[in-house]
């Protein structure tokens, strides 16, 4: 197995050799410790994923990351709602944690996050059936 440090070194090294600007993004960092470690190892974009927590705690944890990393010039992504992480797409679970469009603007304003991942019925993993994505959520978040 490749260690986090080896993987990060390889990614950052390749990014530095690119002929165009490249972002090395650490996705779904579930704690400050994880995203801090990613930053220490050269990641120049981070996601503080506190989507498993309630709205207020998600704001608090995301703002903590933003307040720490923005002065260092590091953009911070957040997640509101919950993008499923099943290894196989489950239609019954897909819409369980849609992003609430009425909360999105407040969330971004209060946290200062640079980008926001929204849940519209999508999940990580293999789709074994056609996903039923709720694009109305996207329209309302915009």
Foldseek 3Di string as FASTA:
>chain_A
DQDPLRVLLVVQVVQVPDPDHDAQEDPADAAPVRVVVSVVSPHQEYEHEVQVDDPVVQLVRLLVVCVVCVVVVGAYEYEHFDAAADQEQDQVCQPVTFGDLVCQVVSCVSRVHPYYDTRQSHHPHHYPDDTDGHCVSVVSND
